[in-house]
Structures are given as structure tokens and as C-alpha cells.
Amino acid sequence: MLNLGVLGMTVALLIAGYEQSFVERALGGSTWGAYFEAQQQPWFVQAMNWRIVFGWVTALGIVILLWDLLTIGSKETRTTKSVGKPELELLGSAAPQPA
């Protein structure tokens, strides 16, 4: 979900940027009037709306990721094994004993 949201925002901004630069530079001659006119074009407005939608998808993905990280292992019923104890026994038996 997180990756899909970021990919969707990237594609939406790609389309919006292409449309804006085409209208602003090719048709309007790089003026302030062309800049504001490019902001009103249907493809640009639609791409900005898709950016918002995929931004919410990304935010939902972050919430799911954080929830998963915070609750991982909370419902585990198996017992944990002692990690350090077997290694200490092996070291103790292999070490020379003082006389």
C-alpha cells in the first residue's frame, strides 16, 4: 500500500509537470499569465487530485506499517528460549579449571 501510494503520486506529478511545462512554455511563452493559465488546465487539476488521493493511500500505508511494527509478536503464545545460557555452559566446560 505504501509503495503503491508513492508510485501513484510520482505518476500524477509526472503528468502534472508535463502538462504545466507544455502549456506554460510552449503555448504561453514562459510568462506569469501562462503559469497561472497552466494551473487551471484540466489535466493539471486532475493530476493534482490524483496526487491527493495517492497521498492518502501513502498515509494509510504508513499507519498500517506502524501498527504492524508496534503489535508484532503481541499475540505470540510460544515461549522464548534462553539465548545466552547454552553459550555460557559451552564456554564454561571448555575453559580450563583452576587448580
Protein backbone atom coordinates (compact mmCIF):
# COMPACT_ATOMS: atom_id res chain seq x y z
CA MET A 1 0.00 0.00 0.00
CA LEU A 2 2.83 2.35 0.86
CA ASN A 3 4.68 1.63 -2.39
CA LEU A 4 1.51 1.96 -4.47
CA GLY A 5 0.79 5.36 -2.93
CA VAL A 6 4.27 6.70 -3.62
CA LEU A 7 4.23 5.33 -7.17
CA GLY A 8 0.81 6.89 -7.79
CA MET A 9 1.97 10.29 -6.52
CA THR A 10 5.03 10.06 -8.75
CA VAL A 11 2.97 9.34 -11.86
CA ALA A 12 0.46 12.09 -11.00
CA LEU A 13 3.23 14.65 -10.56
CA LEU A 14 4.87 13.49 -13.78
CA ILE A 15 1.65 14.13 -15.72
CA ALA A 16 1.04 17.45 -13.96
CA GLY A 17 4.58 18.65 -14.59
CA TYR A 18 4.50 17.68 -18.24
CA GLU A 19 1.17 19.44 -18.75
CA GLN A 20 2.23 22.54 -16.87
CA SER A 21 5.54 22.91 -18.69
CA PHE A 22 3.91 22.35 -22.07
CA VAL A 23 1.17 24.93 -21.54
CA GLU A 24 3.40 27.41 -19.73
CA ARG A 25 6.43 27.33 -22.01
CA ALA A 26 5.23 26.11 -25.40
CA LEU A 27 1.88 27.87 -25.58
CA GLY A 28 2.27 30.80 -23.20
CA GLY A 29 5.88 31.83 -23.68
CA SER A 30 7.05 31.49 -20.05
CA THR A 31 5.11 34.40 -18.63
CA TRP A 32 3.30 34.75 -15.31
CA GLY A 33 0.00 34.68 -17.16
CA ALA A 34 0.94 31.38 -18.78
CA TYR A 35 1.95 29.98 -15.39
CA PHE A 36 -1.45 30.74 -13.87
CA GLU A 37 -3.23 29.54 -17.01
CA ALA A 38 -1.36 26.23 -16.80
CA GLN A 39 -2.59 25.80 -13.23
CA GLN A 40 -6.19 25.81 -14.48
CA GLN A 41 -5.81 23.19 -17.23
CA PRO A 42 -7.99 20.06 -16.76
CA TRP A 43 -5.08 17.60 -16.94
CA PHE A 44 -3.15 19.56 -14.33
CA VAL A 45 -6.12 19.81 -11.96
CA GLN A 46 -6.94 16.12 -12.42
CA ALA A 47 -3.32 15.14 -11.74
CA MET A 48 -3.31 17.23 -8.55
CA ASN A 49 -6.49 15.48 -7.40
CA TRP A 50 -4.88 12.09 -8.05
CA ARG A 51 -1.84 13.24 -6.09
CA ILE A 52 -4.09 13.92 -3.09
CA VAL A 53 -5.76 10.50 -3.45
CA PHE A 54 -2.44 8.67 -3.61
CA GLY A 55 -1.14 10.82 -0.76
CA TRP A 56 -3.95 9.42 1.40
CA VAL A 57 -3.07 5.90 0.20
CA THR A 58 0.54 6.53 1.28
CA ALA A 59 -0.60 7.84 4.67
CA LEU A 60 -2.78 4.77 5.15
CA GLY A 61 0.20 2.58 4.26
CA ILE A 62 2.33 4.34 6.88
CA VAL A 63 -0.36 3.84 9.53
CA ILE A 64 -0.62 0.14 8.67
CA LEU A 65 3.17 -0.24 8.75
CA LEU A 66 3.47 1.47 12.15
CA TRP A 67 0.57 -0.55 13.57
CA ASP A 68 2.22 -3.75 12.35
CA LEU A 69 5.58 -2.78 13.85
CA LEU A 70 4.04 -1.87 17.21
CA THR A 71 1.93 -5.01 17.52
CA ILE A 72 4.34 -7.58 16.11
CA GLY A 73 4.59 -10.52 18.44
CA SER A 74 1.97 -9.26 20.89
CA LYS A 75 -0.25 -12.33 20.42
CA GLU A 76 2.59 -14.86 20.37
CA THR A 77 1.89 -17.81 22.67
CA ARG A 78 5.09 -19.80 22.25
CA THR A 79 7.71 -19.49 24.96
CA THR A 80 11.04 -17.93 24.19
CA LYS A 81 14.24 -19.88 24.61
CA SER A 82 17.09 -18.52 26.66
CA VAL A 83 19.60 -17.07 24.28
CA GLY A 84 22.70 -16.66 26.41
CA LYS A 85 22.54 -19.71 28.71
CA PRO A 86 23.67 -22.52 26.35
CA GLU A 87 26.65 -20.48 25.17
CA LEU A 88 27.79 -19.82 28.73
CA GLU A 89 27.64 -23.54 29.55
CA LEU A 90 29.74 -24.36 26.50
CA LEU A 91 32.31 -21.75 27.40
CA GLY A 92 32.44 -22.92 31.00
CA SER A 93 33.12 -26.55 30.08
CA ALA A 94 35.78 -25.71 27.50
CA ALA A 95 37.66 -23.28 29.75
CA PRO A 96 40.49 -24.70 31.83
CA GLN A 97 39.64 -25.11 35.52
CA PRO A 98 41.98 -23.52 38.11
CA ALA A 99 43.88 -25.99 40.28
